[in-house]
C-alpha cells in the first residue's frame, strides 16, 4: 500500500515536498513514480526512480525544478518541488511500475493522491 502526502497551497515560485510511503516491501524490480492530474486532464507522468539504483526520470516540464529521491530505510520516495508554477496544480499520485513508464495505465499500484495548488 502506498500513501502520498505533503500537498498544500503555495504561491508561484514556492516549494513543496511530497512523500510517498510504502507499507509493504519494495523490490529491486520496482520503480516508484509520481503522476499528477489537473481537472479535466489525463493523469500525466512527473518523475520516477528505480528502487534498485540511482536512476531517475523526469518529465520535460519539471526538469530542473523537481527532484525525486528515496530513503530506503524509511521505505519512502520524495518529490521536492521548487519554483512551482500555477500549471503544476493538480492531484499528485505515486505508483509502482516495473519499467520506466510515462503512461499512467502502466502503473500497477496507486496510492491515494495529495492536492497541490499553486496560486499566481
N, C-alpha and C. Protein backbone atom coordinates (compact mmCIF):
# COMPACT_ATOMS: atom_id res chain seq x y z
N UNK A 1 0.85 -1.19 0.00
CA UNK A 1 0.00 0.00 0.00
C UNK A 1 0.88 1.24 0.00
N UNK A 2 0.46 2.23 -0.79
CA UNK A 2 1.21 3.46 -0.88
C UNK A 2 0.38 4.61 -0.32
N UNK A 3 1.02 5.53 0.35
CA UNK A 3 0.33 6.70 0.87
C UNK A 3 1.12 7.94 0.52
N UNK A 4 0.47 8.84 -0.22
CA UNK A 4 1.10 10.10 -0.61
C UNK A 4 0.60 11.22 0.28
N UNK A 5 1.49 12.11 0.66
CA UNK A 5 1.08 13.25 1.46
C UNK A 5 2.08 14.38 1.27
N UNK A 6 1.73 15.54 1.81
CA UNK A 6 2.61 16.69 1.71
C UNK A 6 2.11 17.79 0.81
N UNK A 7 0.98 17.61 0.17
CA UNK A 7 0.46 18.64 -0.71
C UNK A 7 -0.04 19.84 0.09
N UNK A 8 -0.42 20.87 -0.64
CA UNK A 8 -0.94 22.07 0.01
C UNK A 8 -1.07 23.19 -0.98
N UNK A 9 -1.30 24.38 -0.42
CA UNK A 9 -1.45 25.59 -1.22
C UNK A 9 -0.17 26.41 -1.09
N UNK A 10 0.37 26.82 -2.22
CA UNK A 10 1.62 27.57 -2.21
C UNK A 10 1.57 28.62 -3.32
N UNK A 11 2.28 29.70 -3.12
CA UNK A 11 2.33 30.73 -4.16
C UNK A 11 3.32 30.34 -5.24
N UNK A 12 3.11 30.87 -6.42
CA UNK A 12 4.05 30.64 -7.51
C UNK A 12 5.46 31.02 -7.08
N UNK A 13 6.41 30.16 -7.44
CA UNK A 13 7.78 30.36 -7.03
C UNK A 13 8.15 29.65 -5.75
N UNK A 14 7.15 29.15 -5.05
CA UNK A 14 7.38 28.47 -3.78
C UNK A 14 7.77 27.01 -3.97
N UNK A 15 7.87 26.32 -2.84
CA UNK A 15 8.31 24.93 -2.83
C UNK A 15 7.41 24.07 -1.97
N UNK A 16 7.36 22.79 -2.31
CA UNK A 16 6.68 21.78 -1.50
C UNK A 16 7.47 20.49 -1.62
N UNK A 17 7.37 19.66 -0.61
CA UNK A 17 7.95 18.32 -0.70
C UNK A 17 6.86 17.30 -0.46
N UNK A 18 6.67 16.44 -1.44
CA UNK A 18 5.70 15.35 -1.31
C UNK A 18 6.42 14.09 -0.86
N UNK A 19 5.68 13.26 -0.13
CA UNK A 19 6.21 11.99 0.32
C UNK A 19 5.29 10.87 -0.14
N UNK A 20 5.89 9.75 -0.48
CA UNK A 20 5.14 8.54 -0.84
C UNK A 20 5.69 7.41 0.02
N UNK A 21 4.92 7.00 1.01
CA UNK A 21 5.36 5.98 1.94
C UNK A 21 4.75 4.64 1.56
N UNK A 22 5.59 3.63 1.47
CA UNK A 22 5.13 2.28 1.14
C UNK A 22 5.06 1.45 2.41
N UNK A 23 3.91 0.81 2.61
CA UNK A 23 3.77 -0.01 3.82
C UNK A 23 4.27 -1.42 3.59
N UNK A 24 4.35 -1.84 2.33
CA UNK A 24 4.89 -3.16 2.02
C UNK A 24 6.30 -3.06 1.48
N UNK A 25 6.90 -4.19 1.27
CA UNK A 25 8.28 -4.20 0.78
C UNK A 25 8.34 -3.75 -0.67
N UNK A 26 9.37 -2.99 -0.99
CA UNK A 26 9.64 -2.61 -2.37
C UNK A 26 10.83 -3.43 -2.85
N UNK A 27 10.76 -3.88 -4.08
CA UNK A 27 11.78 -4.78 -4.62
C UNK A 27 12.64 -4.06 -5.67
N UNK A 28 13.75 -4.68 -5.99
CA UNK A 28 14.68 -4.06 -6.93
C UNK A 28 14.06 -3.89 -8.31
N UNK A 29 13.05 -4.67 -8.61
CA UNK A 29 12.40 -4.56 -9.92
C UNK A 29 11.41 -3.40 -9.99
N UNK A 30 11.16 -2.77 -8.87
CA UNK A 30 10.16 -1.70 -8.83
C UNK A 30 10.75 -0.35 -9.19
N UNK A 31 9.92 0.46 -9.80
CA UNK A 31 10.14 1.88 -9.86
C UNK A 31 8.98 2.55 -9.13
N UNK A 32 9.26 3.62 -8.47
CA UNK A 32 8.22 4.42 -7.85
C UNK A 32 8.09 5.71 -8.66
N UNK A 33 6.88 5.98 -9.08
CA UNK A 33 6.64 7.10 -9.98
C UNK A 33 5.64 8.08 -9.38
N UNK A 34 5.81 9.33 -9.74
CA UNK A 34 4.83 10.36 -9.42
C UNK A 34 4.13 10.76 -10.71
N UNK A 35 2.82 10.84 -10.62
CA UNK A 35 1.98 11.36 -11.69
C UNK A 35 1.13 12.47 -11.10
N UNK A 36 0.57 13.29 -11.97
CA UNK A 36 -0.34 14.32 -11.50
C UNK A 36 -1.51 14.44 -12.46
N UNK A 37 -2.60 14.93 -11.91
CA UNK A 37 -3.80 15.09 -12.72
C UNK A 37 -4.47 16.42 -12.40
N UNK A 38 -4.56 17.26 -13.42
CA UNK A 38 -5.27 18.52 -13.30
C UNK A 38 -6.72 18.30 -13.68
N UNK A 39 -7.62 19.15 -13.20
CA UNK A 39 -9.05 18.98 -13.53
C UNK A 39 -9.28 18.94 -15.03
N UNK A 40 -10.01 17.93 -15.47
CA UNK A 40 -10.35 17.80 -16.87
C UNK A 40 -9.25 17.28 -17.76
N UNK A 41 -8.12 16.90 -17.17
CA UNK A 41 -6.99 16.41 -17.96
C UNK A 41 -6.64 14.99 -17.55
N UNK A 42 -5.90 14.34 -18.45
CA UNK A 42 -5.43 12.99 -18.13
C UNK A 42 -4.31 13.04 -17.11
N UNK A 43 -4.16 11.93 -16.41
CA UNK A 43 -3.06 11.82 -15.46
C UNK A 43 -1.74 11.80 -16.25
N UNK A 44 -0.78 12.61 -15.83
CA UNK A 44 0.48 12.71 -16.57
C UNK A 44 1.67 12.38 -15.70
N UNK A 45 2.68 11.85 -16.36
CA UNK A 45 3.92 11.47 -15.68
C UNK A 45 4.67 12.71 -15.22
N UNK A 46 5.24 12.60 -14.02
CA UNK A 46 6.05 13.70 -13.48
C UNK A 46 7.50 13.25 -13.31
N UNK A 47 7.70 12.17 -12.56
CA UNK A 47 9.06 11.69 -12.28
C UNK A 47 8.99 10.27 -11.76
N UNK A 48 10.10 9.55 -11.88
CA UNK A 48 10.16 8.22 -11.28
C UNK A 48 11.60 7.89 -10.92
N UNK A 49 11.74 6.93 -10.04
CA UNK A 49 13.05 6.49 -9.60
C UNK A 49 13.06 4.97 -9.46
N UNK A 50 14.16 4.37 -9.84
CA UNK A 50 14.32 2.93 -9.64
C UNK A 50 14.65 2.66 -8.18
N UNK A 51 14.01 1.65 -7.62
CA UNK A 51 14.27 1.34 -6.22
C UNK A 51 15.66 0.75 -6.05
N UNK A 52 16.18 0.13 -7.11
CA UNK A 52 17.43 -0.61 -7.02
C UNK A 52 18.68 0.25 -7.17
N UNK A 53 18.56 1.40 -7.84
CA UNK A 53 19.76 2.19 -8.08
C UNK A 53 19.38 3.67 -8.17
N UNK A 54 20.30 4.47 -8.64
CA UNK A 54 20.11 5.92 -8.58
C UNK A 54 19.47 6.52 -9.83
N UNK A 55 19.06 5.69 -10.75
CA UNK A 55 18.47 6.23 -11.97
C UNK A 55 17.13 6.92 -11.69
N UNK A 56 16.98 8.09 -12.26
CA UNK A 56 15.75 8.86 -12.13
C UNK A 56 15.30 9.36 -13.49
N UNK A 57 14.04 9.66 -13.60
CA UNK A 57 13.46 10.10 -14.87
C UNK A 57 12.50 11.25 -14.57
N UNK A 58 12.46 12.21 -15.48
CA UNK A 58 11.62 13.39 -15.27
C UNK A 58 10.88 13.77 -16.55
N UNK A 59 9.69 14.30 -16.37
CA UNK A 59 9.00 14.94 -17.49
C UNK A 59 9.74 16.23 -17.84
N UNK A 60 9.73 16.59 -19.10
CA UNK A 60 10.43 17.80 -19.53
C UNK A 60 9.91 19.03 -18.78
N UNK A 61 8.63 19.02 -18.46
CA UNK A 61 8.01 20.19 -17.84
C UNK A 61 8.50 20.45 -16.41
N UNK A 62 9.15 19.46 -15.80
CA UNK A 62 9.59 19.65 -14.41
C UNK A 62 11.10 19.55 -14.24
N UNK A 63 11.80 19.21 -15.31
CA UNK A 63 13.26 19.08 -15.22
C UNK A 63 13.88 20.37 -14.73
N UNK A 64 14.79 20.23 -13.80
CA UNK A 64 15.46 21.40 -13.24
C UNK A 64 14.72 22.05 -12.09
N UNK A 65 13.48 21.67 -11.89
CA UNK A 65 12.68 22.24 -10.79
C UNK A 65 12.31 21.19 -9.74
N UNK A 66 12.05 19.98 -10.18
CA UNK A 66 11.63 18.91 -9.27
C UNK A 66 12.78 17.92 -9.12
N UNK A 67 12.85 17.33 -7.93
CA UNK A 67 13.85 16.29 -7.67
C UNK A 67 13.19 15.14 -6.95
N UNK A 68 13.35 13.95 -7.50
CA UNK A 68 12.83 12.75 -6.86
C UNK A 68 13.97 12.06 -6.12
N UNK A 69 13.69 11.58 -4.93
CA UNK A 69 14.70 10.90 -4.14
C UNK A 69 14.03 9.82 -3.30
N UNK A 70 14.83 9.02 -2.64
CA UNK A 70 14.26 7.94 -1.84
C UNK A 70 15.06 7.73 -0.57
N UNK A 71 14.39 7.20 0.42
CA UNK A 71 15.00 6.79 1.67
C UNK A 71 14.62 5.33 1.87
N UNK A 72 15.54 4.45 1.59
CA UNK A 72 15.21 3.03 1.66
C UNK A 72 14.91 2.59 3.08
N UNK A 73 15.57 3.19 4.05
CA UNK A 73 15.31 2.81 5.44
C UNK A 73 13.89 3.15 5.85
N UNK A 74 13.37 4.24 5.27
CA UNK A 74 12.01 4.67 5.59
C UNK A 74 10.99 4.14 4.59
N UNK A 75 11.47 3.45 3.56
CA UNK A 75 10.57 2.93 2.51
C UNK A 75 9.73 4.05 1.91
N UNK A 76 10.38 5.17 1.67
CA UNK A 76 9.67 6.38 1.24
C UNK A 76 10.39 7.02 0.06
N UNK A 77 9.58 7.53 -0.87
CA UNK A 77 10.08 8.30 -2.01
C UNK A 77 9.56 9.72 -1.87
N UNK A 78 10.44 10.66 -2.15
CA UNK A 78 10.09 12.07 -2.02
C UNK A 78 10.08 12.76 -3.38
N UNK A 79 9.30 13.81 -3.47
CA UNK A 79 9.33 14.67 -4.65
C UNK A 79 9.47 16.10 -4.15
N UNK A 80 10.67 16.64 -4.30
CA UNK A 80 10.92 18.01 -3.93
C UNK A 80 10.58 18.89 -5.13
N UNK A 81 9.65 19.81 -4.91
CA UNK A 81 9.16 20.66 -5.99
C UNK A 81 9.52 22.11 -5.69
N UNK A 82 10.37 22.66 -6.51
CA UNK A 82 10.80 24.06 -6.36
C UNK A 82 10.31 24.89 -7.55
N UNK A 83 10.35 26.19 -7.38
CA UNK A 83 9.94 27.11 -8.45
C UNK A 83 8.59 26.72 -9.02
N UNK A 84 7.66 26.47 -8.15
CA UNK A 84 6.35 25.99 -8.58
C UNK A 84 5.62 27.02 -9.41
N UNK A 85 4.86 26.51 -10.38
CA UNK A 85 4.08 27.34 -11.29
C UNK A 85 2.61 26.97 -11.16
N UNK A 86 1.72 27.89 -11.51
CA UNK A 86 0.29 27.55 -11.45
C UNK A 86 -0.06 26.29 -12.26
N UNK A 87 0.65 26.07 -13.35
CA UNK A 87 0.37 24.87 -14.16
C UNK A 87 0.82 23.57 -13.50
N UNK A 88 1.48 23.66 -12.36
CA UNK A 88 1.82 22.46 -11.58
C UNK A 88 0.66 22.02 -10.69
N UNK A 89 -0.39 22.79 -10.66
CA UNK A 89 -1.56 22.48 -9.85
C UNK A 89 -2.20 21.17 -10.29
N UNK A 90 -2.57 20.36 -9.31
CA UNK A 90 -3.24 19.10 -9.60
C UNK A 90 -3.17 18.17 -8.41
N UNK A 91 -3.77 17.01 -8.58
CA UNK A 91 -3.65 15.96 -7.58
C UNK A 91 -2.45 15.10 -7.96
N UNK A 92 -1.55 14.94 -7.03
CA UNK A 92 -0.33 14.17 -7.26
C UNK A 92 -0.48 12.77 -6.67
N UNK A 93 -0.17 11.78 -7.49
CA UNK A 93 -0.28 10.39 -7.10
C UNK A 93 1.08 9.71 -7.22
N UNK A 94 1.34 8.76 -6.34
CA UNK A 94 2.51 7.92 -6.53
C UNK A 94 2.04 6.50 -6.87
N UNK A 95 2.88 5.80 -7.58
CA UNK A 95 2.52 4.46 -8.02
C UNK A 95 3.75 3.63 -8.31
N UNK A 96 3.51 2.34 -8.48
CA UNK A 96 4.58 1.38 -8.74
C UNK A 96 4.53 0.92 -10.19
N UNK A 97 5.67 0.92 -10.84
CA UNK A 97 5.79 0.31 -12.17
C UNK A 97 6.95 -0.67 -12.16
N UNK A 98 7.04 -1.47 -13.21
CA UNK A 98 8.13 -2.43 -13.31
C UNK A 98 9.13 -2.07 -14.40
N UNK A 99 8.91 -0.92 -15.01
CA UNK A 99 9.83 -0.40 -16.01
C UNK A 99 9.60 1.10 -16.07
N UNK A 100 10.48 1.79 -16.76
CA UNK A 100 10.28 3.22 -16.94
C UNK A 100 9.04 3.42 -17.81
N UNK A 101 8.03 4.02 -17.22
CA UNK A 101 6.75 4.20 -17.90
C UNK A 101 6.28 5.63 -17.71
N UNK A 102 5.79 6.22 -18.78
CA UNK A 102 5.18 7.55 -18.66
C UNK A 102 3.68 7.50 -18.86
N UNK A 103 3.16 6.33 -19.15
CA UNK A 103 1.72 6.15 -19.35
C UNK A 103 1.11 5.67 -18.03
N UNK A 104 0.14 6.41 -17.53
CA UNK A 104 -0.43 6.07 -16.23
C UNK A 104 -1.10 4.70 -16.24
N UNK A 105 -1.48 4.22 -17.41
CA UNK A 105 -2.14 2.91 -17.49
C UNK A 105 -1.19 1.78 -17.15
N UNK A 106 0.11 2.04 -17.18
CA UNK A 106 1.11 1.01 -16.87
C UNK A 106 1.37 0.90 -15.37
N UNK A 107 0.83 1.80 -14.59
CA UNK A 107 1.07 1.76 -13.15
C UNK A 107 0.31 0.59 -12.54
N UNK A 108 1.02 -0.20 -11.72
CA UNK A 108 0.43 -1.43 -11.17
C UNK A 108 -0.27 -1.19 -9.85
N UNK A 109 0.19 -0.21 -9.12
CA UNK A 109 -0.39 0.03 -7.79
C UNK A 109 -0.35 1.53 -7.54
N UNK A 110 -1.46 2.08 -7.12
CA UNK A 110 -1.55 3.51 -6.85
C UNK A 110 -1.72 3.78 -5.36
N UNK A 111 -1.16 4.92 -4.94
CA UNK A 111 -1.52 5.46 -3.64
C UNK A 111 -2.65 6.45 -3.82
N UNK A 112 -3.19 6.92 -2.72
CA UNK A 112 -4.20 7.97 -2.84
C UNK A 112 -3.48 9.27 -3.17
N UNK A 113 -4.14 10.22 -3.74
CA UNK A 113 -3.50 11.44 -4.18
C UNK A 113 -3.40 12.49 -3.09
N UNK A 114 -2.58 13.48 -3.38
CA UNK A 114 -2.47 14.64 -2.50
C UNK A 114 -2.56 15.89 -3.36
N UNK A 115 -3.37 16.84 -2.93
CA UNK A 115 -3.65 18.02 -3.74
C UNK A 115 -2.53 19.04 -3.62
N UNK A 116 -2.08 19.52 -4.77
CA UNK A 116 -1.12 20.63 -4.83
C UNK A 116 -1.78 21.77 -5.59
N UNK A 117 -1.85 22.92 -4.96
CA UNK A 117 -2.43 24.10 -5.59
C UNK A 117 -1.41 25.23 -5.57
N UNK A 118 -1.10 25.75 -6.74
CA UNK A 118 -0.13 26.83 -6.86
C UNK A 118 -0.87 28.07 -7.32
N UNK A 119 -0.88 29.09 -6.50
CA UNK A 119 -1.58 30.32 -6.85
C UNK A 119 -0.64 31.29 -7.54
N UNK A 120 -1.20 32.08 -8.44
CA UNK A 120 -0.38 33.03 -9.20
C UNK A 120 -0.27 34.37 -8.48
